[in-house]
Amino acid sequence: MQSQNPMISDFVKLMNSAAGTFAGMTREARETARERVKEAMGGLDFVSREEFDAVKDMAAKAREENEQLAERVAALEAKLK
């Protein structure tokens, strides 16, 4: 049942407009915040996940080689004594 009162009708229209405006402001604030974060992060030197994983694998391999070389040095030192 719709009201025939123009005052209520105008109030409903006002509230609908306010809700639309508020939704637009929220969307705009979210986009602005997202852009500012992108700008702030753009200046930092971050690496990609692939680069990180590649360096991590290289470090693990170097650690293994270091342990093997330490064992060889210990064996050679034992022979000299």
Protein backbone atom coordinates (compact mmCIF):
# COMPACT_ATOMS: atom_id res chain seq x y z
CA MET A 1 0.00 0.00 0.00
CA GLN A 2 1.54 3.28 -1.10
CA SER A 3 1.10 6.42 0.87
CA GLN A 4 -0.61 9.37 -0.77
CA ASN A 5 1.19 11.77 1.53
CA PRO A 6 3.63 13.85 -0.59
CA MET A 7 5.77 14.60 2.43
CA ILE A 8 6.46 10.90 3.03
CA SER A 9 7.05 10.37 -0.68
CA ASP A 10 9.57 13.23 -0.76
CA PHE A 11 11.29 11.87 2.35
CA VAL A 12 11.61 8.42 0.76
CA LYS A 13 13.06 9.96 -2.40
CA LEU A 14 15.52 11.96 -0.28
CA MET A 15 16.63 8.84 1.59
CA ASN A 16 17.07 6.91 -1.66
CA SER A 17 19.18 9.72 -3.08
CA ALA A 18 21.22 9.91 0.12
CA ALA A 19 21.83 6.15 0.03
CA GLY A 20 23.00 6.37 -3.59
CA THR A 21 25.27 9.30 -2.79
CA PHE A 22 26.71 7.49 0.21
CA ALA A 23 27.37 4.37 -1.89
CA GLY A 24 29.13 6.50 -4.49
CA MET A 25 31.24 8.22 -1.85
CA THR A 26 32.20 4.85 -0.40
CA ARG A 27 33.19 3.53 -3.81
CA GLU A 28 35.23 6.65 -4.53
CA ALA A 29 36.98 6.51 -1.14
CA ARG A 30 37.85 2.85 -1.70
CA GLU A 31 39.31 3.57 -5.14
CA THR A 32 41.28 6.54 -3.83
CA ALA A 33 42.71 4.46 -0.98
CA ARG A 34 43.61 1.67 -3.40
CA GLU A 35 45.43 4.11 -5.69
CA ARG A 36 47.35 5.63 -2.78
CA VAL A 37 48.46 2.20 -1.59
CA LYS A 38 49.58 1.31 -5.12
CA GLU A 39 51.58 4.56 -5.32
CA ALA A 40 53.18 3.97 -1.93
CA MET A 41 54.05 0.36 -2.73
CA GLY A 42 55.30 1.24 -6.20
CA GLY A 43 58.28 3.07 -4.74
CA LEU A 44 59.40 0.07 -2.72
CA ASP A 45 61.61 -2.65 -4.12
CA PHE A 46 59.59 -5.82 -3.84
CA VAL A 47 60.47 -9.06 -5.57
CA SER A 48 58.08 -11.42 -7.26
CA ARG A 49 57.29 -14.81 -5.78
CA GLU A 50 59.18 -16.52 -8.62
CA GLU A 51 62.33 -14.47 -7.93
CA PHE A 52 62.08 -15.19 -4.20
CA ASP A 53 61.68 -18.93 -4.77
CA ALA A 54 64.63 -18.96 -7.20
CA VAL A 55 66.92 -17.24 -4.68
CA LYS A 56 65.66 -19.51 -1.91
CA ASP A 57 66.54 -22.58 -4.01
CA MET A 58 69.97 -21.13 -4.80
CA ALA A 59 70.62 -20.53 -1.09
CA ALA A 60 69.60 -24.09 -0.21
CA LYS A 61 71.89 -25.48 -2.89
CA ALA A 62 74.78 -23.29 -1.72
CA ARG A 63 74.21 -24.44 1.86
CA GLU A 64 74.34 -28.09 0.78
CA GLU A 65 77.53 -27.50 -1.20
CA ASN A 66 79.06 -25.69 1.78
CA GLU A 67 78.30 -28.65 4.04
CA GLN A 68 79.85 -31.06 1.52
CA LEU A 69 82.97 -28.91 1.23
CA ALA A 70 83.25 -28.69 5.02
CA GLU A 71 83.14 -32.48 5.20
CA ARG A 72 85.86 -32.74 2.51
CA VAL A 73 88.07 -30.22 4.33
CA ALA A 74 87.60 -32.12 7.59
CA ALA A 75 88.54 -35.38 5.84
CA LEU A 76 91.65 -33.81 4.27
CA GLU A 77 92.70 -32.31 7.59
CA ALA A 78 92.28 -35.70 9.22
CA LYS A 79 94.59 -37.25 6.59
CA LEU A 80 97.25 -34.61 7.25
CA LYS A 81 97.37 -35.32 10.99
